[in-house]
Amino acid sequence: MGCEQGAIKLSFTPNGAIISASSVRGQRAAAKENNMKQPSAKTADNDLQPEYDFSTGVRGKHFRRYQRGTNVVVLEPDVAKVFSNAATVNDSLRALAGIIRRQKVMAK
């Protein structure tokens, strides 16, 4: 929805989905440029903890997939125990979608 009509937000948490809405009309107030404390030179140099090692990281590894769009779904813990990885979740959902399609065709 546009700013003039309010906004709807959908968030997924470990406990399920949360839908929140705002009926506030109009645009958001402009942010102040200096509203946050600026980091000191000492903390700016020390942002990463020593245990973080990105030396073997690949820049842009998931960029193309992200551009195509993603759907992130958080599974409830009991459901997550049944599925060992994303492939088993996708295979099961495809099988279920096939059953639903066949049911719809038979109902017509």
N, C-alpha and C. Protein backbone atom coordinates (compact mmCIF):
# COMPACT_ATOMS: atom_id res chain seq x y z
N MET A 1 0.83 -1.18 0.00
CA MET A 1 0.00 0.00 0.00
C MET A 1 0.88 1.24 0.00
N GLY A 2 0.38 2.31 -0.52
CA GLY A 2 1.12 3.56 -0.53
C GLY A 2 1.09 4.23 0.83
N CYS A 3 1.88 5.28 0.95
CA CYS A 3 1.97 5.99 2.23
C CYS A 3 0.66 6.66 2.59
N GLU A 4 -0.14 7.07 1.59
CA GLU A 4 -1.37 7.78 1.88
C GLU A 4 -2.41 6.89 2.54
N GLN A 5 -2.33 5.58 2.36
CA GLN A 5 -3.35 4.69 2.88
C GLN A 5 -2.87 3.88 4.08
N GLY A 6 -1.68 4.11 4.58
CA GLY A 6 -1.17 3.32 5.68
C GLY A 6 -0.28 2.22 5.16
N ALA A 7 0.12 1.31 6.03
CA ALA A 7 1.04 0.25 5.63
C ALA A 7 0.68 -1.04 6.32
N ILE A 8 0.99 -2.15 5.66
CA ILE A 8 0.81 -3.48 6.23
C ILE A 8 2.17 -4.16 6.19
N LYS A 9 2.55 -4.79 7.29
CA LYS A 9 3.84 -5.46 7.39
C LYS A 9 3.60 -6.90 7.80
N LEU A 10 4.29 -7.85 7.11
CA LEU A 10 4.20 -9.26 7.44
C LEU A 10 5.57 -9.72 7.89
N SER A 11 5.68 -10.25 9.10
CA SER A 11 6.95 -10.71 9.65
C SER A 11 6.80 -12.17 10.07
N PHE A 12 7.87 -12.94 9.88
CA PHE A 12 7.87 -14.33 10.31
C PHE A 12 8.81 -14.47 11.50
N THR A 13 8.34 -15.14 12.54
CA THR A 13 9.14 -15.37 13.74
C THR A 13 9.15 -16.87 14.01
N PRO A 14 10.00 -17.34 14.93
CA PRO A 14 9.99 -18.77 15.25
C PRO A 14 8.64 -19.26 15.76
N ASN A 15 7.83 -18.37 16.27
CA ASN A 15 6.52 -18.75 16.81
C ASN A 15 5.38 -18.58 15.81
N GLY A 16 5.66 -18.16 14.59
CA GLY A 16 4.63 -17.99 13.59
C GLY A 16 4.73 -16.66 12.88
N ALA A 17 3.70 -16.32 12.15
CA ALA A 17 3.69 -15.08 11.37
C ALA A 17 3.02 -13.97 12.17
N ILE A 18 3.50 -12.76 11.95
CA ILE A 18 2.92 -11.58 12.59
C ILE A 18 2.53 -10.60 11.50
N ILE A 19 1.29 -10.17 11.52
CA ILE A 19 0.82 -9.16 10.59
C ILE A 19 0.55 -7.91 11.40
N SER A 20 1.17 -6.81 11.00
CA SER A 20 0.92 -5.55 11.68
C SER A 20 0.52 -4.51 10.65
N ALA A 21 -0.29 -3.58 11.07
CA ALA A 21 -0.79 -2.55 10.16
C ALA A 21 -0.72 -1.20 10.82
N SER A 22 -0.61 -0.17 9.99
CA SER A 22 -0.61 1.20 10.47
C SER A 22 -1.63 1.97 9.65
N SER A 23 -2.47 2.72 10.33
CA SER A 23 -3.46 3.52 9.62
C SER A 23 -3.04 4.97 9.49
N VAL A 24 -1.80 5.25 9.87
CA VAL A 24 -1.30 6.62 9.80
C VAL A 24 -1.23 7.05 8.35
N ARG A 25 -1.82 8.19 8.04
CA ARG A 25 -1.82 8.68 6.67
C ARG A 25 -0.68 9.66 6.46
N GLY A 26 -0.28 9.81 5.22
CA GLY A 26 0.76 10.77 4.89
C GLY A 26 2.14 10.16 4.91
N GLN A 27 3.11 10.98 4.65
CA GLN A 27 4.48 10.52 4.58
C GLN A 27 5.12 10.53 5.95
N ARG A 28 6.18 9.72 6.08
CA ARG A 28 6.93 9.70 7.32
C ARG A 28 7.68 11.01 7.49
N ALA A 29 7.86 11.40 8.71
CA ALA A 29 8.64 12.62 8.99
C ALA A 29 10.06 12.42 8.52
N ALA A 30 10.66 13.46 8.01
CA ALA A 30 12.03 13.37 7.52
C ALA A 30 12.96 13.07 8.69
N ALA A 31 13.92 12.18 8.45
CA ALA A 31 14.88 11.82 9.49
C ALA A 31 15.89 12.93 9.67
N LYS A 32 16.28 13.17 10.90
CA LYS A 32 17.31 14.16 11.16
C LYS A 32 18.65 13.57 10.78
N GLU A 33 19.49 14.39 10.20
CA GLU A 33 20.77 13.88 9.72
C GLU A 33 21.70 13.50 10.85
N ASN A 34 21.66 14.20 11.96
CA ASN A 34 22.60 13.95 13.05
C ASN A 34 21.89 13.38 14.27
N ASN A 35 20.97 12.45 14.06
CA ASN A 35 20.21 11.94 15.19
C ASN A 35 20.88 10.76 15.89
N MET A 36 21.96 10.25 15.35
CA MET A 36 22.63 9.12 15.97
C MET A 36 24.05 9.52 16.36
N LYS A 37 24.49 8.95 17.44
CA LYS A 37 25.84 9.21 17.90
C LYS A 37 26.84 8.64 16.90
N GLN A 38 27.81 9.41 16.53
CA GLN A 38 28.82 8.96 15.58
C GLN A 38 29.82 8.06 16.29
N PRO A 39 30.23 6.94 15.64
CA PRO A 39 31.20 6.06 16.28
C PRO A 39 32.56 6.74 16.40
N SER A 40 33.22 6.47 17.50
CA SER A 40 34.56 7.03 17.67
C SER A 40 35.53 6.30 16.75
N ALA A 41 36.68 6.88 16.50
CA ALA A 41 37.68 6.27 15.64
C ALA A 41 38.12 4.92 16.20
N LYS A 42 38.15 4.81 17.53
CA LYS A 42 38.58 3.57 18.17
C LYS A 42 37.60 2.43 17.88
N THR A 43 36.29 2.67 17.99
CA THR A 43 35.31 1.62 17.74
C THR A 43 35.13 1.36 16.25
N ALA A 44 35.33 2.35 15.42
CA ALA A 44 35.18 2.17 13.98
C ALA A 44 36.21 1.19 13.44
N ASP A 45 37.42 1.18 13.99
CA ASP A 45 38.46 0.26 13.55
C ASP A 45 38.25 -1.14 14.09
N ASN A 46 37.45 -1.29 15.12
CA ASN A 46 37.34 -2.56 15.82
C ASN A 46 35.93 -3.14 15.70
N ASP A 47 35.25 -2.98 14.55
CA ASP A 47 33.87 -3.42 14.39
C ASP A 47 33.71 -4.93 14.48
N LEU A 48 34.60 -5.69 13.87
CA LEU A 48 34.46 -7.15 13.83
C LEU A 48 35.19 -7.81 14.99
N GLN A 49 34.54 -8.79 15.54
CA GLN A 49 35.17 -9.56 16.61
C GLN A 49 36.26 -10.46 16.02
N PRO A 50 37.27 -10.81 16.76
CA PRO A 50 38.37 -11.62 16.23
C PRO A 50 37.94 -13.01 15.76
N GLU A 51 36.84 -13.54 16.31
CA GLU A 51 36.42 -14.89 15.91
C GLU A 51 35.73 -14.94 14.54
N TYR A 52 35.41 -13.78 13.97
CA TYR A 52 34.81 -13.75 12.64
C TYR A 52 35.90 -13.81 11.59
N ASP A 53 35.83 -14.83 10.73
CA ASP A 53 36.86 -15.01 9.70
C ASP A 53 36.18 -15.05 8.34
N PHE A 54 36.35 -13.99 7.57
CA PHE A 54 35.76 -13.93 6.24
C PHE A 54 36.81 -14.12 5.14
N SER A 55 37.97 -14.65 5.51
CA SER A 55 39.06 -14.78 4.54
C SER A 55 38.72 -15.76 3.42
N THR A 56 37.83 -16.72 3.66
CA THR A 56 37.46 -17.67 2.61
C THR A 56 36.09 -17.35 2.01
N GLY A 57 35.52 -16.21 2.37
CA GLY A 57 34.22 -15.82 1.85
C GLY A 57 34.26 -15.50 0.36
N VAL A 58 33.12 -15.67 -0.29
CA VAL A 58 32.99 -15.38 -1.71
C VAL A 58 32.03 -14.22 -1.87
N ARG A 59 32.51 -13.11 -2.38
CA ARG A 59 31.68 -11.92 -2.55
C ARG A 59 30.62 -12.17 -3.63
N GLY A 60 29.37 -11.87 -3.34
CA GLY A 60 28.29 -11.99 -4.30
C GLY A 60 27.84 -13.42 -4.58
N LYS A 61 28.16 -14.35 -3.70
CA LYS A 61 27.84 -15.78 -3.92
C LYS A 61 26.34 -16.01 -4.16
N HIS A 62 25.49 -15.31 -3.44
CA HIS A 62 24.04 -15.51 -3.55
C HIS A 62 23.34 -14.34 -4.22
N PHE A 63 24.08 -13.47 -4.86
CA PHE A 63 23.52 -12.24 -5.43
C PHE A 63 22.45 -12.52 -6.48
N ARG A 64 22.73 -13.38 -7.46
CA ARG A 64 21.76 -13.64 -8.54
C ARG A 64 20.48 -14.26 -7.99
N ARG A 65 20.62 -15.21 -7.08
CA ARG A 65 19.44 -15.84 -6.50
C ARG A 65 18.61 -14.82 -5.73
N TYR A 66 19.26 -13.93 -5.01
CA TYR A 66 18.56 -12.90 -4.25
C TYR A 66 17.83 -11.95 -5.19
N GLN A 67 18.45 -11.63 -6.33
CA GLN A 67 17.81 -10.73 -7.30
C GLN A 67 16.51 -11.33 -7.84
N ARG A 68 16.47 -12.63 -8.03
CA ARG A 68 15.27 -13.29 -8.55
C ARG A 68 14.13 -13.25 -7.54
N GLY A 69 14.47 -13.05 -6.31
CA GLY A 69 13.45 -12.99 -5.26
C GLY A 69 13.54 -14.21 -4.37
N THR A 70 13.23 -14.03 -3.11
CA THR A 70 13.30 -15.13 -2.16
C THR A 70 12.08 -15.11 -1.28
N ASN A 71 11.73 -16.25 -0.78
CA ASN A 71 10.68 -16.40 0.23
C ASN A 71 11.32 -17.12 1.40
N VAL A 72 11.40 -16.47 2.51
CA VAL A 72 11.95 -17.08 3.70
C VAL A 72 10.80 -17.52 4.58
N VAL A 73 10.80 -18.79 4.94
CA VAL A 73 9.76 -19.34 5.79
C VAL A 73 10.44 -19.97 7.00
N VAL A 74 9.99 -19.62 8.18
CA VAL A 74 10.53 -20.20 9.40
C VAL A 74 9.62 -21.35 9.82
N LEU A 75 10.19 -22.53 9.93
CA LEU A 75 9.41 -23.70 10.31
C LEU A 75 9.30 -23.78 11.83
N GLU A 76 8.17 -24.24 12.30
CA GLU A 76 8.01 -24.50 13.72
C GLU A 76 9.00 -25.61 14.10
N PRO A 77 9.47 -25.63 15.34
CA PRO A 77 10.48 -26.62 15.73
C PRO A 77 10.07 -28.07 15.48
N ASP A 78 8.80 -28.42 15.74
CA ASP A 78 8.38 -29.80 15.52
C ASP A 78 8.40 -30.16 14.04
N VAL A 79 8.10 -29.22 13.17
CA VAL A 79 8.13 -29.46 11.73
C VAL A 79 9.58 -29.55 11.25
N ALA A 80 10.45 -28.68 11.78
CA ALA A 80 11.85 -28.67 11.38
C ALA A 80 12.54 -29.99 11.71
N LYS A 81 12.11 -30.67 12.75
CA LYS A 81 12.70 -31.97 13.11
C LYS A 81 12.46 -33.03 12.03
N VAL A 82 11.37 -32.90 11.29
CA VAL A 82 11.01 -33.89 10.28
C VAL A 82 11.85 -33.72 9.01
N PHE A 83 12.23 -32.49 8.70
CA PHE A 83 12.94 -32.20 7.46
C PHE A 83 14.41 -31.92 7.74
N SER A 84 15.28 -32.66 7.06
CA SER A 84 16.72 -32.52 7.32
C SER A 84 17.35 -31.35 6.57
N ASN A 85 16.73 -30.92 5.46
CA ASN A 85 17.31 -29.84 4.66
C ASN A 85 16.24 -29.21 3.77
N ALA A 86 16.63 -28.18 3.04
CA ALA A 86 15.69 -27.45 2.17
C ALA A 86 15.14 -28.34 1.06
N ALA A 87 15.96 -29.25 0.54
CA ALA A 87 15.50 -30.11 -0.56
C ALA A 87 14.32 -30.99 -0.13
N THR A 88 14.36 -31.53 1.08
CA THR A 88 13.25 -32.38 1.53
C THR A 88 11.99 -31.56 1.75
N VAL A 89 12.15 -30.33 2.22
CA VAL A 89 10.99 -29.44 2.38
C VAL A 89 10.38 -29.15 1.02
N ASN A 90 11.23 -28.77 0.05
CA ASN A 90 10.73 -28.44 -1.29
C ASN A 90 10.08 -29.65 -1.97
N ASP A 91 10.69 -30.83 -1.85
CA ASP A 91 10.10 -32.03 -2.45
C ASP A 91 8.73 -32.32 -1.85
N SER A 92 8.62 -32.20 -0.55
CA SER A 92 7.33 -32.46 0.12
C SER A 92 6.27 -31.44 -0.29
N LEU A 93 6.67 -30.18 -0.38
CA LEU A 93 5.71 -29.15 -0.78
C LEU A 93 5.27 -29.32 -2.23
N ARG A 94 6.19 -29.73 -3.10
CA ARG A 94 5.81 -30.00 -4.50
C ARG A 94 4.82 -31.16 -4.59
N ALA A 95 5.06 -32.20 -3.81
CA ALA A 95 4.14 -33.34 -3.80
C ALA A 95 2.77 -32.91 -3.29
N LEU A 96 2.74 -32.12 -2.23
CA LEU A 96 1.48 -31.62 -1.69
C LEU A 96 0.77 -30.72 -2.70
N ALA A 97 1.52 -29.87 -3.39
CA ALA A 97 0.92 -28.99 -4.40
C ALA A 97 0.30 -29.82 -5.52
N GLY A 98 0.96 -30.92 -5.91
CA GLY A 98 0.40 -31.81 -6.94
C GLY A 98 -0.91 -32.42 -6.50
N ILE A 99 -0.98 -32.85 -5.25
CA ILE A 99 -2.22 -33.42 -4.71
C ILE A 99 -3.32 -32.37 -4.71
N ILE A 100 -3.00 -31.15 -4.31
CA ILE A 100 -4.00 -30.08 -4.28
C ILE A 100 -4.51 -29.78 -5.69
N ARG A 101 -3.59 -29.74 -6.67
CA ARG A 101 -4.02 -29.49 -8.06
C ARG A 101 -4.95 -30.58 -8.55
N ARG A 102 -4.61 -31.85 -8.26
CA ARG A 102 -5.47 -32.96 -8.70
C ARG A 102 -6.84 -32.90 -8.04
N GLN A 103 -6.88 -32.53 -6.77
CA GLN A 103 -8.16 -32.40 -6.07
C GLN A 103 -9.03 -31.32 -6.70
N LYS A 104 -8.40 -30.21 -7.07
CA LYS A 104 -9.16 -29.12 -7.70
C LYS A 104 -9.72 -29.54 -9.05
N VAL A 105 -8.92 -30.30 -9.82
CA VAL A 105 -9.38 -30.76 -11.14
C VAL A 105 -10.55 -31.74 -10.97
N MET A 106 -10.44 -32.63 -9.99
CA MET A 106 -11.51 -33.62 -9.76
C MET A 106 -12.78 -32.95 -9.24
N ALA A 107 -12.66 -31.84 -8.54
CA ALA A 107 -13.83 -31.15 -7.99
C ALA A 107 -14.62 -30.42 -9.04
N LYS A 108 -14.01 -30.10 -10.17
CA LYS A 108 -14.70 -29.34 -11.24
C LYS A 108 -15.65 -30.17 -12.01
